[in-house]
Amino acid sequence: MTSNIDDHRRPRYQIIADDLITEITSNRITVGSSLPTEKELCRYYEVSRYTVREALRVLREMGLISIRRGSGTKVLSAKPKDAYVQSVNSLSELLRYPETRFSLKKSGMAMIDRNLANTLNIKKEVWFQISGIRRSNSSNTPICWQDVYVLPEYEDAARRVPFSHHAVHQIIELRHGSLIEEAQLNIFASQIDRPLARHLEVQEGSSAMTIIRLYHDNKGRLFEITRSIHPEGRFVYSLHMKHDKQNRE
């Protein structure tokens, strides 16, 4: 196995997970065989057992391995299941889709979608919009359809999305300085209409999960709206939280 464990752009558990995914999908670690033990992985990567377990959790959620106490970790498949799992351990991870790519379908100045404006209770103003399909780097299956609206002054940043691994708000901050003061997520069940069904490779009327992200700057101004529509079974949010000891009574 090879790794750049000092890559500070990604969490250590994700680096280890990516290494193991590469070993399995390239058949260097074959289906039916066992992964190195937690102790061996800790020693190899010079990390804690907690970090190794987080990496193995990512592989298990992708359907690549099974973990049984006393029996070790077995490789079940060399191909990840269709569902894309986003493991979230920080606010920055919650606001982006790591290890994905964006295929642009349309862009330009546009009035915000009426349904979206009504849902958010905001005015139908002119924004710069990009829309397209987001796919996992490990699978060609569409994860979601994504509509991104930014204030016209940030059009340059939005146009960079198809060519960058960064989320829109990250590109905006790289080009225009720190902006985000507050971020809000709205998650709700929905259905996929006919135009999107073709792009997402599902039947019209299929169940979906819609995630709307709102970004406000330090003046309270809403500068970005992102709507992501995920077909059922294509996306999982995996949240890792610890009890706040300071709030214990």
Protein backbone atom coordinates (compact mmCIF):
# COMPACT_ATOMS: atom_id res chain seq x y z
CA MET A 1 0.00 0.00 0.00
CA THR A 2 1.10 3.54 -0.70
CA SER A 3 -0.15 6.73 0.90
CA ASN A 4 0.48 10.42 1.37
CA ILE A 5 -0.76 10.52 4.95
CA ASP A 6 0.59 14.08 5.32
CA ASP A 7 -1.94 15.44 2.81
CA HIS A 8 -3.59 17.99 5.12
CA ARG A 9 -6.38 18.76 2.65
CA ARG A 10 -8.22 15.56 3.65
CA PRO A 11 -8.93 13.85 6.98
CA ARG A 12 -6.51 11.02 7.76
CA TYR A 13 -9.24 8.41 7.90
CA GLN A 14 -10.31 9.40 4.35
CA ILE A 15 -6.74 9.04 3.07
CA ILE A 16 -6.54 5.53 4.55
CA ALA A 17 -9.98 4.65 3.18
CA ASP A 18 -8.98 5.82 -0.29
CA ASP A 19 -5.80 3.72 -0.15
CA LEU A 20 -7.76 0.61 0.79
CA ILE A 21 -10.44 1.28 -1.82
CA THR A 22 -7.73 1.48 -4.49
CA GLU A 23 -6.18 -1.78 -3.28
CA ILE A 24 -9.56 -3.56 -3.41
CA THR A 25 -10.94 -2.15 -6.67
CA SER A 26 -7.64 -2.88 -8.44
CA ASN A 27 -7.76 -6.48 -7.11
CA ARG A 28 -4.46 -6.14 -5.28
CA ILE A 29 -6.53 -7.21 -2.27
CA THR A 30 -8.91 -9.83 -3.66
CA VAL A 31 -12.52 -10.63 -2.81
CA GLY A 32 -12.68 -13.19 -0.02
CA SER A 33 -9.33 -12.25 1.47
CA SER A 34 -8.74 -10.40 4.73
CA LEU A 35 -7.53 -6.86 5.22
CA PRO A 36 -4.60 -6.21 7.54
CA THR A 37 -5.65 -6.09 11.18
CA GLU A 38 -6.49 -2.80 12.89
CA LYS A 39 -3.21 -3.04 14.78
CA GLU A 40 -1.25 -3.53 11.57
CA LEU A 41 -3.00 -0.60 9.88
CA CYS A 42 -2.36 1.61 12.91
CA ARG A 43 1.32 0.76 12.81
CA TYR A 44 1.62 1.19 9.03
CA TYR A 45 -0.10 4.60 8.92
CA GLU A 46 1.08 5.72 12.37
CA VAL A 47 -2.44 6.65 13.44
CA SER A 48 -4.80 5.75 16.27
CA ARG A 49 -7.20 2.83 16.26
CA TYR A 50 -10.07 5.30 16.15
CA THR A 51 -8.78 6.72 12.82
CA VAL A 52 -8.44 3.22 11.34
CA ARG A 53 -11.96 2.30 12.44
CA GLU A 54 -13.34 5.42 10.77
CA ALA A 55 -11.60 4.41 7.52
CA LEU A 56 -12.99 0.88 7.73
CA ARG A 57 -16.46 2.27 8.39
CA VAL A 58 -16.33 4.10 5.04
CA LEU A 59 -15.46 0.84 3.24
CA ARG A 60 -18.21 -1.05 5.06
CA GLU A 61 -20.81 1.55 4.10
CA MET A 62 -19.71 1.21 0.48
CA GLY A 63 -20.37 -2.54 0.65
CA LEU A 64 -16.71 -3.44 0.09
CA ILE A 65 -15.99 -5.21 3.39
CA SER A 66 -17.61 -6.95 6.34
CA ILE A 67 -16.31 -6.56 9.88
CA ARG A 68 -16.88 -9.29 12.43
CA ARG A 69 -15.40 -9.37 15.89
CA GLY A 70 -13.01 -12.27 16.17
CA SER A 71 -13.10 -13.00 12.42
CA GLY A 72 -11.31 -9.95 11.11
CA THR A 73 -12.24 -7.81 8.11
CA LYS A 74 -13.19 -9.66 4.92
CA VAL A 75 -13.39 -8.19 1.42
CA LEU A 76 -16.93 -8.72 0.04
CA SER A 77 -16.78 -6.92 -3.29
CA ALA A 78 -14.35 -5.13 -5.60
CA LYS A 79 -17.08 -2.76 -6.75
CA PRO A 80 -18.72 -0.16 -4.46
CA LYS A 81 -22.49 -0.29 -4.18
CA ASP A 82 -24.43 2.47 -5.93
CA ALA A 83 -25.15 4.49 -2.81
CA TYR A 84 -22.64 7.28 -2.26
CA VAL A 85 -21.76 7.69 1.42
CA GLN A 86 -20.66 11.07 2.69
CA SER A 87 -19.06 10.70 6.10
CA VAL A 88 -19.29 13.97 7.99
CA ASN A 89 -17.07 14.92 10.93
CA SER A 90 -16.95 18.71 10.55
CA LEU A 91 -18.96 21.64 9.25
CA SER A 92 -16.74 21.96 6.18
CA GLU A 93 -17.45 18.34 5.23
CA LEU A 94 -21.17 18.86 5.77
CA LEU A 95 -21.25 21.67 3.20
CA ARG A 96 -19.55 19.88 0.30
CA TYR A 97 -19.45 16.66 -1.70
CA PRO A 98 -15.90 15.25 -1.52
CA GLU A 99 -14.60 12.78 -4.11
CA THR A 100 -17.19 13.75 -6.75
CA ARG A 101 -17.28 15.47 -10.13
CA PHE A 102 -19.81 17.86 -11.66
CA SER A 103 -21.06 17.62 -15.27
CA LEU A 104 -22.49 20.95 -16.43
CA LYS A 105 -25.80 20.83 -18.32
CA LYS A 106 -26.80 24.50 -18.37
CA SER A 107 -25.65 27.89 -17.10
CA GLY A 108 -26.55 31.57 -17.37
CA MET A 109 -28.46 34.40 -15.75
CA ALA A 110 -31.88 33.22 -14.58
CA MET A 111 -34.75 33.95 -12.24
CA ILE A 112 -34.70 31.62 -9.27
CA ASP A 113 -37.04 28.65 -9.68
CA ARG A 114 -40.58 29.52 -8.48
CA ASN A 115 -40.94 26.40 -6.32
CA LEU A 116 -37.56 27.01 -4.73
CA ALA A 117 -38.39 30.67 -4.07
CA ASN A 118 -41.67 29.65 -2.44
CA THR A 119 -39.97 26.96 -0.35
CA LEU A 120 -37.38 29.42 0.93
CA ASN A 121 -39.79 32.37 1.13
CA ILE A 122 -37.48 34.63 -0.86
CA LYS A 123 -38.01 37.01 -3.76
CA LYS A 124 -37.75 35.82 -7.36
CA GLU A 125 -34.63 37.76 -8.26
CA VAL A 126 -32.07 37.27 -11.02
CA TRP A 127 -29.13 35.03 -10.09
CA PHE A 128 -26.36 33.34 -12.03
CA GLN A 129 -27.30 29.66 -12.26
CA ILE A 130 -25.42 26.48 -13.08
CA SER A 131 -27.14 23.10 -13.22
CA GLY A 132 -25.89 19.61 -13.83
CA ILE A 133 -25.24 16.10 -12.59
CA ARG A 134 -22.90 15.21 -9.74
CA ARG A 135 -21.30 11.75 -9.87
CA SER A 136 -19.05 9.82 -7.51
CA ASN A 137 -15.45 9.39 -8.63
CA SER A 138 -15.75 5.68 -7.84
CA SER A 139 -18.96 5.12 -9.82
CA ASN A 140 -20.58 6.49 -12.96
CA THR A 141 -24.04 6.40 -11.38
CA PRO A 142 -25.53 9.91 -10.89
CA ILE A 143 -25.59 10.91 -7.22
CA CYS A 144 -27.83 13.90 -7.74
CA TRP A 145 -29.05 16.72 -9.94
CA GLN A 146 -27.72 20.03 -8.65
CA ASP A 147 -28.94 23.60 -9.19
CA VAL A 148 -26.58 26.28 -7.90
CA TYR A 149 -27.59 29.95 -7.72
CA VAL A 150 -25.06 32.66 -6.84
CA LEU A 151 -25.23 36.45 -6.85
CA PRO A 152 -24.22 37.77 -10.30
CA GLU A 153 -20.98 39.20 -8.90
CA TYR A 154 -19.79 35.64 -8.24
CA GLU A 155 -20.46 34.29 -11.73
CA ASP A 156 -16.72 33.82 -12.30
CA ALA A 157 -16.50 31.41 -9.36
CA ALA A 158 -19.57 29.40 -10.37
CA ARG A 159 -18.21 28.91 -13.89
CA ARG A 160 -15.15 27.18 -12.36
CA VAL A 161 -17.16 24.35 -10.77
CA PRO A 162 -16.91 21.84 -13.68
CA PHE A 163 -13.13 22.25 -13.68
CA SER A 164 -12.51 22.21 -9.92
CA HIS A 165 -12.72 19.74 -7.04
CA HIS A 166 -13.93 22.53 -4.77
CA ALA A 167 -17.54 23.40 -3.94
CA VAL A 168 -18.91 26.72 -5.22
CA HIS A 169 -18.67 28.47 -1.85
CA GLN A 170 -15.03 27.37 -1.54
CA ILE A 171 -14.20 28.77 -4.99
CA ILE A 172 -15.95 32.04 -4.11
CA GLU A 173 -13.88 32.35 -0.94
CA LEU A 174 -10.66 31.53 -2.80
CA ARG A 175 -11.38 34.26 -5.37
CA HIS A 176 -13.13 36.89 -3.25
CA GLY A 177 -12.00 36.25 0.31
CA SER A 178 -13.76 34.74 3.31
CA LEU A 179 -17.52 35.16 3.09
CA ILE A 180 -19.48 32.50 4.94
CA GLU A 181 -20.85 33.61 8.26
CA GLU A 182 -23.81 31.26 8.40
CA ALA A 183 -24.88 28.13 6.53
CA GLN A 184 -28.24 26.39 6.67
CA LEU A 185 -29.34 22.95 5.43
CA ASN A 186 -32.91 21.92 4.64
CA ILE A 187 -33.47 18.21 3.94
CA PHE A 188 -36.82 16.77 2.89
CA ALA A 189 -38.44 13.97 0.90
CA SER A 190 -39.47 14.71 -2.69
CA GLN A 191 -40.20 13.11 -6.08
CA ILE A 192 -38.31 13.25 -9.36
CA ASP A 193 -40.14 14.85 -12.28
CA ARG A 194 -39.91 13.79 -15.91
CA PRO A 195 -37.06 16.11 -17.06
CA LEU A 196 -34.78 15.05 -14.21
CA ALA A 197 -35.70 11.36 -14.37
CA ARG A 198 -33.87 11.00 -17.67
CA HIS A 199 -30.73 12.69 -16.37
CA LEU A 200 -30.73 10.69 -13.12
CA GLU A 201 -31.53 7.39 -14.87
CA VAL A 202 -34.64 6.65 -12.79
CA GLN A 203 -38.38 6.45 -13.43
CA GLU A 204 -40.54 9.57 -13.34
CA GLY A 205 -42.12 9.99 -9.91
CA SER A 206 -39.35 8.08 -8.12
CA SER A 207 -38.73 8.97 -4.48
CA ALA A 208 -35.90 11.36 -3.77
CA MET A 209 -34.18 13.31 -1.03
CA THR A 210 -33.74 17.02 -1.65
CA ILE A 211 -31.05 18.99 0.17
CA ILE A 212 -31.04 22.79 0.03
CA ARG A 213 -27.98 24.65 1.27
CA LEU A 214 -28.12 28.39 2.01
CA TYR A 215 -25.00 30.50 2.50
CA HIS A 216 -25.03 33.95 4.13
CA ASP A 217 -22.13 36.39 4.41
CA ASN A 218 -21.12 38.43 7.47
CA LYS A 219 -23.64 41.11 6.53
CA GLY A 220 -26.49 38.61 6.55
CA ARG A 221 -26.74 38.64 2.76
CA LEU A 222 -27.74 35.40 1.04
CA PHE A 223 -25.10 34.87 -1.66
CA GLU A 224 -25.52 31.21 -2.68
CA ILE A 225 -28.32 28.66 -2.87
CA THR A 226 -27.64 25.05 -3.80
CA ARG A 227 -30.38 22.49 -4.39
CA SER A 228 -29.39 18.83 -4.70
CA ILE A 229 -31.96 16.18 -5.67
CA HIS A 230 -30.86 12.63 -4.80
CA PRO A 231 -32.69 9.54 -6.10
CA GLU A 232 -33.66 7.10 -3.36
CA GLY A 233 -30.80 4.82 -2.38
CA ARG A 234 -28.10 6.89 -4.10
CA PHE A 235 -26.84 8.97 -1.18
CA VAL A 236 -26.27 8.55 2.56
CA TYR A 237 -25.25 11.20 5.07
CA SER A 238 -23.15 9.51 7.78
CA LEU A 239 -22.84 11.90 10.72
CA HIS A 240 -20.30 11.34 13.49
CA MET A 241 -20.94 13.33 16.66
CA LYS A 242 -19.72 13.21 20.24
CA HIS A 243 -21.54 14.21 23.40
CA ASP A 244 -20.70 17.75 24.49
CA LYS A 245 -19.21 17.13 27.92
CA GLN A 246 -19.40 20.83 28.81
CA ASN A 247 -23.19 20.67 28.66
CA ARG A 248 -23.53 17.70 30.99
CA GLU A 249 -25.35 18.49 34.18
